[in-house]
């Protein structure tokens, strides 16, 4: 059987002729940006011009298309395409009287400029909004904050945090994770510890992503995860872990285990005690499992405590892993099960779970 290769622009045009086709601004914008990145500028401009002609009388839809163009070009890192799209959107915003159009446009511009590394311009955009009577939202501030953070400009990042606090813009878990990720990318572990302490003081909740950002930045722990299969393994208790990492990493682990993330990832009732590891990277799953084992021991040791009928650890089967069907978290859980002599076994009905009877687990732990 032979196949005929059809260039993507032609394939797209062919698809548009189908009866089921529905025009999508995001798809068209992404295709235009992709063509521009491949230096097929004429094809890209033709696609954009056709779309503009289609939407010329519908300002909101045209504005959203320009927003998608700015976003797509910034993600492709296309300077020429980004500047052209930014100019188109800016011109539309200046002539529009719609507050909705202006707000959506400024969001796309701030995000795009920050993504392109032009963070100072993104910050100036917030001042421009203020001058036009439009209050910048949490979204624009986050774009600028993370833009400075990714660039390692921590003083400016902290300055934006101060602006947010002054203007009553909430510095929440998402913003905090951006800050922690920025510190982690530069191996600034003491700064991460300081921010985690601030989160605790301000009662900003940690999340699974907080664990991921912090623990992926701990070189000793990530090294343990990478080399466990070819070595004597890793510590199998929180205390042992703390004793085998650097002082800076030990402080971070201590701050994480004081958060409520474990309680949010586990259920406990008469029918089952379930720990759900979905969304966790290997380092996060590792620390959470060690915490969970301590928590299980404490709860099952209580004389008047509930003993769940089953104990379940949900780790997934690797459907969303970089190599489909190979779950690093499942491999990690299996190693911990073997090394600790845990009665947990892979569930025959669901290979993405480990399961055991509650009474058997109590006998093992207590």
Protein backbone atom coordinates (compact mmCIF):
# COMPACT_ATOMS: atom_id res chain seq x y z
CA UNK A 1 0.00 0.00 0.00
CA UNK A 2 1.40 3.42 -0.94
CA UNK A 3 0.65 6.74 0.76
CA UNK A 4 0.62 10.19 -0.79
CA UNK A 5 2.15 12.89 1.38
CA UNK A 6 0.02 16.03 1.49
CA UNK A 7 1.62 19.23 2.92
CA UNK A 8 -0.20 20.28 6.07
CA UNK A 9 -1.55 23.63 4.70
CA UNK A 10 -3.15 21.78 1.79
CA UNK A 11 -4.41 19.08 4.12
CA UNK A 12 -5.98 21.74 6.34
CA UNK A 13 -7.68 23.38 3.34
CA UNK A 14 -9.00 19.98 2.29
CA UNK A 15 -10.39 19.37 5.77
CA UNK A 16 -12.18 22.74 5.74
CA UNK A 17 -14.28 21.49 2.83
CA UNK A 18 -15.72 18.64 4.91
CA UNK A 19 -19.34 19.00 6.07
CA UNK A 20 -18.40 18.34 9.70
CA UNK A 21 -15.65 20.98 9.83
CA UNK A 22 -16.11 23.85 12.27
CA UNK A 23 -13.72 26.82 12.14
CA UNK A 24 -11.58 27.05 15.27
CA UNK A 25 -9.50 30.17 16.05
CA UNK A 26 -7.02 28.27 18.21
CA UNK A 27 -6.34 25.66 15.52
CA UNK A 28 -5.91 28.27 12.78
CA UNK A 29 -3.66 30.43 14.97
CA UNK A 30 -1.47 27.47 15.88
CA UNK A 31 -1.18 26.43 12.24
CA UNK A 32 -0.29 29.99 11.19
CA UNK A 33 2.38 30.22 13.90
CA UNK A 34 3.78 26.83 12.95
CA UNK A 35 4.04 27.86 9.29
CA UNK A 36 5.73 31.12 10.27
CA UNK A 37 8.23 29.23 12.43
CA UNK A 38 9.02 27.03 9.40
CA UNK A 39 9.59 30.23 7.37
CA UNK A 40 6.54 29.57 5.23
CA UNK A 41 5.56 33.19 5.79
CA UNK A 42 3.38 33.62 2.69
CA UNK A 43 1.25 30.59 3.58
CA UNK A 44 0.98 31.81 7.16
CA UNK A 45 -0.04 35.33 6.14
CA UNK A 46 -2.57 33.99 3.64
CA UNK A 47 -4.22 31.88 6.33
CA UNK A 48 -4.34 34.85 8.72
CA UNK A 49 -5.73 37.21 6.06
CA UNK A 50 -8.51 34.77 5.15
CA UNK A 51 -9.45 34.46 8.82
CA UNK A 52 -9.45 38.24 9.33
CA UNK A 53 -11.74 38.65 6.30
CA UNK A 54 -14.08 36.05 7.75
CA UNK A 55 -14.26 37.80 11.14
CA UNK A 56 -13.99 41.46 10.13
CA UNK A 57 -17.53 42.36 11.19
CA UNK A 58 -17.40 40.40 14.47
CA UNK A 59 -15.13 42.31 16.81
CA UNK A 60 -15.15 39.88 19.74
CA UNK A 61 -14.33 36.86 17.59
CA UNK A 62 -11.65 38.81 15.73
CA UNK A 63 -10.11 39.91 19.03
CA UNK A 64 -10.06 36.33 20.33
CA UNK A 65 -8.41 35.20 17.09
CA UNK A 66 -5.71 37.85 17.51
CA UNK A 67 -5.27 36.70 21.12
CA UNK A 68 -4.76 33.13 19.93
CA UNK A 69 -2.24 34.34 17.34
CA UNK A 70 -0.22 36.20 19.98
CA UNK A 71 -0.30 33.14 22.25
CA UNK A 72 0.65 30.67 19.51
CA UNK A 73 3.50 32.79 18.12
CA UNK A 74 4.92 33.28 21.63
CA UNK A 75 4.84 29.52 22.29
CA UNK A 76 6.65 28.89 19.00
CA UNK A 77 9.17 31.62 19.85
CA UNK A 78 8.59 33.35 16.50
CA UNK A 79 9.71 36.97 16.83
CA UNK A 80 8.42 38.20 13.47
CA UNK A 81 5.06 36.52 13.78
CA UNK A 82 4.67 37.59 17.39
CA UNK A 83 5.41 41.25 16.66
CA UNK A 84 2.94 41.30 13.75
CA UNK A 85 0.20 39.67 15.82
CA UNK A 86 0.90 41.94 18.79
CA UNK A 87 0.59 45.01 16.55
CA UNK A 88 -2.71 43.78 15.11
CA UNK A 89 -4.14 43.13 18.57
CA UNK A 90 -2.86 46.44 19.95
CA UNK A 91 -4.46 48.35 17.09
CA UNK A 92 -7.80 46.61 17.68
CA UNK A 93 -7.69 47.39 21.42
CA UNK A 94 -7.04 51.07 20.76
CA UNK A 95 -10.09 51.35 18.49
CA UNK A 96 -12.43 49.17 20.54
CA UNK A 97 -14.86 50.49 23.14
CA UNK A 98 -15.55 47.01 24.55
CA UNK A 99 -14.19 46.42 28.05
CA UNK A 100 -14.38 42.65 27.45
CA UNK A 101 -12.25 42.90 24.30
CA UNK A 102 -9.69 45.08 26.07
CA UNK A 103 -9.41 42.73 29.08
CA UNK A 104 -8.98 39.63 26.93
CA UNK A 105 -6.49 41.42 24.71
CA UNK A 106 -4.35 42.63 27.59
CA UNK A 107 -4.28 39.11 29.05
CA UNK A 108 -2.93 37.68 25.81
CA UNK A 109 -0.41 40.49 25.38
CA UNK A 110 0.94 40.21 28.93
CA UNK A 111 1.23 36.43 28.65
CA UNK A 112 2.86 36.59 25.23
CA UNK A 113 5.39 39.27 26.17
CA UNK A 114 6.39 37.37 29.31
CA UNK A 115 6.69 34.12 27.34
CA UNK A 116 8.96 35.88 24.82
CA UNK A 117 11.21 37.12 27.64
CA UNK A 118 10.04 40.72 27.30
CA UNK A 119 8.91 40.92 30.90
CA UNK A 120 9.57 44.63 31.36
CA UNK A 121 7.15 45.36 28.51
CA UNK A 122 4.59 43.07 30.11
CA UNK A 123 4.90 45.01 33.37
CA UNK A 124 4.55 48.31 31.49
CA UNK A 125 1.35 46.93 30.03
CA UNK A 126 -0.12 46.72 33.53
CA UNK A 127 0.64 50.42 34.00
CA UNK A 128 -0.95 51.15 30.62
CA UNK A 129 -4.09 49.31 31.73
CA UNK A 130 -4.24 51.38 34.89
CA UNK A 131 -3.99 54.56 32.83
CA UNK A 132 -7.01 53.45 30.81
CA UNK A 133 -9.07 52.65 33.87
CA UNK A 134 -8.73 48.86 33.54
CA UNK A 135 -7.62 47.02 36.66
CA UNK A 136 -5.03 44.35 35.96
CA UNK A 137 -6.14 40.91 37.13
CA UNK A 138 -4.29 38.21 39.00
CA UNK A 139 -3.51 36.64 35.60
CA UNK A 140 -1.44 39.57 34.28
CA UNK A 141 0.47 39.86 37.55
CA UNK A 142 1.24 36.14 37.51
CA UNK A 143 2.60 36.41 33.97
CA UNK A 144 4.98 39.18 34.98
CA UNK A 145 5.92 37.51 38.27
CA UNK A 146 6.77 34.21 36.57
CA UNK A 147 8.49 35.97 33.70
CA UNK A 148 10.92 37.64 36.08
CA UNK A 149 11.28 34.42 38.07
CA UNK A 150 12.15 32.27 35.05
CA UNK A 151 14.76 34.85 34.08
CA UNK A 152 16.35 34.61 37.53
CA UNK A 153 15.44 38.22 38.31
CA UNK A 154 14.37 37.44 41.85
CA UNK A 155 14.45 41.03 43.15
CA UNK A 156 11.98 42.04 40.44
CA UNK A 157 9.88 38.94 41.12
CA UNK A 158 9.68 39.87 44.81
CA UNK A 159 8.87 43.46 43.82
CA UNK A 160 5.86 42.21 41.83
CA UNK A 161 4.76 40.17 44.85
CA UNK A 162 4.83 43.41 46.85
CA UNK A 163 2.74 45.16 44.18
CA UNK A 164 0.20 42.36 44.25
CA UNK A 165 -0.12 42.60 48.02
CA UNK A 166 -0.43 46.41 47.88
CA UNK A 167 -3.14 46.26 45.22
CA UNK A 168 -5.11 43.53 46.93
CA UNK A 169 -4.28 40.85 44.35
CA UNK A 170 -4.15 37.47 46.09
CA UNK A 171 -0.80 35.71 46.16
CA UNK A 172 -2.23 32.20 46.16
CA UNK A 173 -0.99 28.62 45.75
CA UNK A 174 -0.57 28.96 41.96
CA UNK A 175 1.50 32.14 42.32
CA UNK A 176 3.53 30.53 45.10
CA UNK A 177 4.26 27.48 42.97
CA UNK A 178 5.55 29.78 40.21
CA UNK A 179 7.85 31.44 42.74
CA UNK A 180 9.08 28.09 44.09
CA UNK A 181 9.63 26.77 40.56
CA UNK A 182 11.67 29.87 39.72
CA UNK A 183 13.86 29.46 42.80
CA UNK A 184 14.24 25.75 42.12
CA UNK A 185 15.37 26.27 38.52
CA UNK A 186 18.32 28.26 39.92
CA UNK A 187 18.98 25.83 42.82
CA UNK A 188 18.07 28.57 45.30
CA UNK A 189 17.02 26.15 48.05
CA UNK A 190 17.28 28.58 51.01
CA UNK A 191 15.03 31.01 49.16
CA UNK A 192 12.54 28.18 48.60
CA UNK A 193 12.54 27.46 52.33
CA UNK A 194 11.92 31.12 53.11
CA UNK A 195 8.97 31.22 50.72
CA UNK A 196 7.50 28.00 52.14
CA UNK A 197 7.67 29.56 55.58
CA UNK A 198 5.88 32.64 54.25
CA UNK A 199 3.18 30.39 52.77
CA UNK A 200 2.71 28.81 56.19
CA UNK A 201 2.55 32.21 57.90
CA UNK A 202 0.01 33.55 55.39
CA UNK A 203 -1.89 30.24 55.38
CA UNK A 204 -1.38 29.71 51.66
CA UNK A 205 -2.07 25.99 51.07
CA UNK A 206 0.54 23.74 49.52
CA UNK A 207 -0.47 21.45 46.65
CA UNK A 208 0.85 18.42 44.81
CA UNK A 209 2.52 20.83 42.42
CA UNK A 210 4.23 22.47 45.40
CA UNK A 211 5.71 19.09 46.28
CA UNK A 212 6.76 18.56 42.65
CA UNK A 213 8.42 21.97 42.35
CA UNK A 214 10.27 21.72 45.65
CA UNK A 215 11.39 18.08 45.58
CA UNK A 216 12.43 18.13 41.91
CA UNK A 217 14.85 20.86 42.97
CA UNK A 218 16.49 18.70 45.65
CA UNK A 219 19.52 17.09 43.92
CA UNK A 220 20.12 14.39 46.54
CA UNK A 221 16.51 13.20 46.42
CA UNK A 222 16.27 13.25 42.63
CA UNK A 223 19.56 11.34 42.47
CA UNK A 224 18.10 8.74 44.82
CA UNK A 225 15.13 8.30 42.49
CA UNK A 226 17.32 7.95 39.41
CA UNK A 227 19.86 5.53 40.89
CA UNK A 228 17.63 3.40 43.13
CA UNK A 229 17.52 0.48 40.70
CA UNK A 230 21.30 0.20 40.54
CA UNK A 231 22.14 0.83 44.20
CA UNK A 232 21.16 -0.27 47.66
CA UNK A 233 18.05 1.85 47.38
CA UNK A 234 16.85 4.92 49.21
CA UNK A 235 15.80 5.64 52.80
CA UNK A 236 12.42 4.16 53.72
CA UNK A 237 11.40 6.52 56.51
CA UNK A 238 11.12 10.29 56.75
CA UNK A 239 13.66 10.45 59.56
CA UNK A 240 16.16 8.35 57.63
CA UNK A 241 15.62 10.51 54.57
CA UNK A 242 16.22 13.73 56.50
CA UNK A 243 19.46 12.25 57.87
CA UNK A 244 20.73 11.41 54.38
CA UNK A 245 20.18 14.67 52.49
CA UNK A 246 21.80 18.09 52.70
CA UNK A 247 20.76 20.48 55.43
CA UNK A 248 18.93 22.70 52.92
CA UNK A 249 17.00 19.73 51.53
CA UNK A 250 16.17 18.49 55.04
CA UNK A 251 14.61 21.87 55.86
CA UNK A 252 12.46 21.72 52.72
CA UNK A 253 11.29 18.17 53.43
CA UNK A 254 10.43 19.18 56.99
CA UNK A 255 8.34 22.11 55.77
CA UNK A 256 6.46 19.98 53.23
CA UNK A 257 5.52 17.22 55.65
CA UNK A 258 3.94 19.84 57.93
CA UNK A 259 1.47 20.77 55.15
CA UNK A 260 -2.00 19.31 54.57
CA UNK A 261 -1.18 17.71 51.21
CA UNK A 262 -1.08 14.16 52.59
CA UNK A 263 -4.57 14.52 54.09
CA UNK A 264 -5.85 15.81 50.75
CA UNK A 265 -4.49 12.82 48.84
CA UNK A 266 -5.83 10.12 51.14
CA UNK A 267 -9.29 8.88 52.12
CA UNK A 268 -9.97 7.00 55.33
CA UNK A 269 -13.20 5.22 56.23
CA UNK A 270 -14.46 1.79 57.27
CA UNK A 271 -14.40 0.43 53.72
CA UNK A 272 -10.96 1.60 52.63
CA UNK A 273 -7.87 3.65 53.28
CA UNK A 274 -6.85 5.02 49.90
CA UNK A 275 -3.77 6.99 48.87
CA UNK A 276 -3.96 8.58 45.41
CA UNK A 277 -0.56 9.40 43.84
CA UNK A 278 -1.91 10.79 40.57
CA UNK A 279 -0.18 14.00 39.48
CA UNK A 280 2.92 13.35 41.56
CA UNK A 281 6.42 13.09 40.20
CA UNK A 282 8.59 10.31 41.58
CA UNK A 283 10.24 12.45 44.27
CA UNK A 284 6.86 13.71 45.50
CA UNK A 285 5.29 10.24 45.51
CA UNK A 286 8.31 8.97 47.44
CA UNK A 287 8.00 11.51 50.26
CA UNK A 288 4.20 11.19 50.38
CA UNK A 289 4.43 7.39 50.69
CA UNK A 290 6.88 7.69 53.59
CA UNK A 291 4.54 10.16 55.29
CA UNK A 292 1.57 7.89 54.60
CA UNK A 293 3.27 4.88 56.19
CA UNK A 294 3.82 6.88 59.37
CA UNK A 295 0.22 8.08 59.29
CA UNK A 296 -1.08 4.53 58.75
CA UNK A 297 0.94 3.26 61.68
CA UNK A 298 -0.36 6.00 63.96
CA UNK A 299 -4.03 5.53 63.00
CA UNK A 300 -3.97 1.73 63.10
CA UNK A 301 -2.22 1.73 66.49
CA UNK A 302 -5.12 3.53 68.17
CA UNK A 303 -7.15 1.12 70.21
CA UNK A 304 -10.45 2.76 69.29
CA UNK A 305 -9.48 3.56 65.69
CA UNK A 306 -11.29 2.38 62.55
CA UNK A 307 -9.57 -0.44 60.68
CA UNK A 308 -10.46 -0.07 56.98
CA UNK A 309 -11.47 -3.26 55.18
CA UNK A 310 -8.90 -2.55 52.45
CA UNK A 311 -5.80 -0.43 52.01
CA UNK A 312 -5.28 0.89 48.47
CA UNK A 313 -2.46 2.83 46.82
CA UNK A 314 -3.41 4.29 43.44
CA UNK A 315 -0.30 4.93 41.35
CA UNK A 316 -1.53 4.56 37.76
CA UNK A 317 -0.33 2.18 35.09
CA UNK A 318 1.74 4.60 33.02
CA UNK A 319 -0.87 5.86 30.54
CA UNK A 320 0.41 9.42 30.97
CA UNK A 321 4.10 8.60 31.46
CA UNK A 322 6.79 9.72 29.03
CA UNK A 323 7.03 6.07 27.99
CA UNK A 324 3.45 4.79 27.82
CA UNK A 325 2.85 1.78 30.03
CA UNK A 326 5.95 2.38 32.15
CA UNK A 327 5.03 4.21 35.34
CA UNK A 328 7.99 5.48 37.39
CA UNK A 329 5.67 5.94 40.37
CA UNK A 330 4.39 2.35 40.12
CA UNK A 331 7.99 1.12 39.95
CA UNK A 332 8.80 3.21 43.02
CA UNK A 333 5.85 1.83 45.01
CA UNK A 334 6.81 -1.72 44.04
CA UNK A 335 10.37 -1.19 45.29
CA UNK A 336 9.13 0.23 48.60
CA UNK A 337 6.72 -2.71 48.97
CA UNK A 338 9.52 -5.22 48.42
CA UNK A 339 12.04 -3.49 50.69
CA UNK A 340 9.62 -2.98 53.56
CA UNK A 341 7.99 -6.40 53.28
CA UNK A 342 4.61 -4.72 52.85
CA UNK A 343 1.57 -6.97 52.24
CA UNK A 344 0.42 -4.65 49.42
CA UNK A 345 0.10 -6.42 46.07
CA UNK A 346 -0.84 -5.30 42.56
CA UNK A 347 -4.62 -5.45 42.17
CA UNK A 348 -5.63 -8.03 39.56
CA UNK A 349 -8.62 -5.95 38.53
CA UNK A 350 -6.66 -2.71 38.23
CA UNK A 351 -2.91 -2.96 37.61
CA UNK A 352 -2.54 0.72 38.48
CA UNK A 353 -3.31 -0.03 42.15
CA UNK A 354 -1.69 -1.86 45.06
CA UNK A 355 -4.10 -3.42 47.52
CA UNK A 356 -4.14 -5.32 50.83
CA UNK A 357 -6.55 -6.21 53.64
CA UNK A 358 -6.66 -3.62 56.41
CA UNK A 359 -6.13 -6.16 59.22
CA UNK A 360 -3.09 -7.59 57.45
CA UNK A 361 -1.59 -4.12 57.05
CA UNK A 362 -2.15 -3.45 60.76
CA UNK A 363 -0.33 -6.66 61.69
CA UNK A 364 2.58 -5.62 59.45
CA UNK A 365 2.90 -2.07 60.75
CA UNK A 366 1.93 -2.45 64.37
